[in-house]
């Protein structure tokens, strides 16, 4: 259970190769995401809607620029396949 983690919160997600198979240069980059399901677990497992920078990130115009990713865990720092809180401006 991560304090402040609720449905609708904006977080940052770090792409893996499986998320952006046609864009290997995008692996490890961050994208904004909205929490759509909070499994309320100690590791911060959530489902996310990730907002890509256009279809060039998803590599598939039929997918649009939104990725639906399930069961992604929290990381204190940016780590591929995990989400973290946005850095303070």
Foldseek 3Di string as FASTA:
>chain_A
DDPPDDFFDKWKAAADCVQQVPCPVRHGPIFIWTFHAFPPDPQGFTWIWTFAPFCNRNVDVVVTRIDTGGGAGDDCDRDHRHIYHDDDD
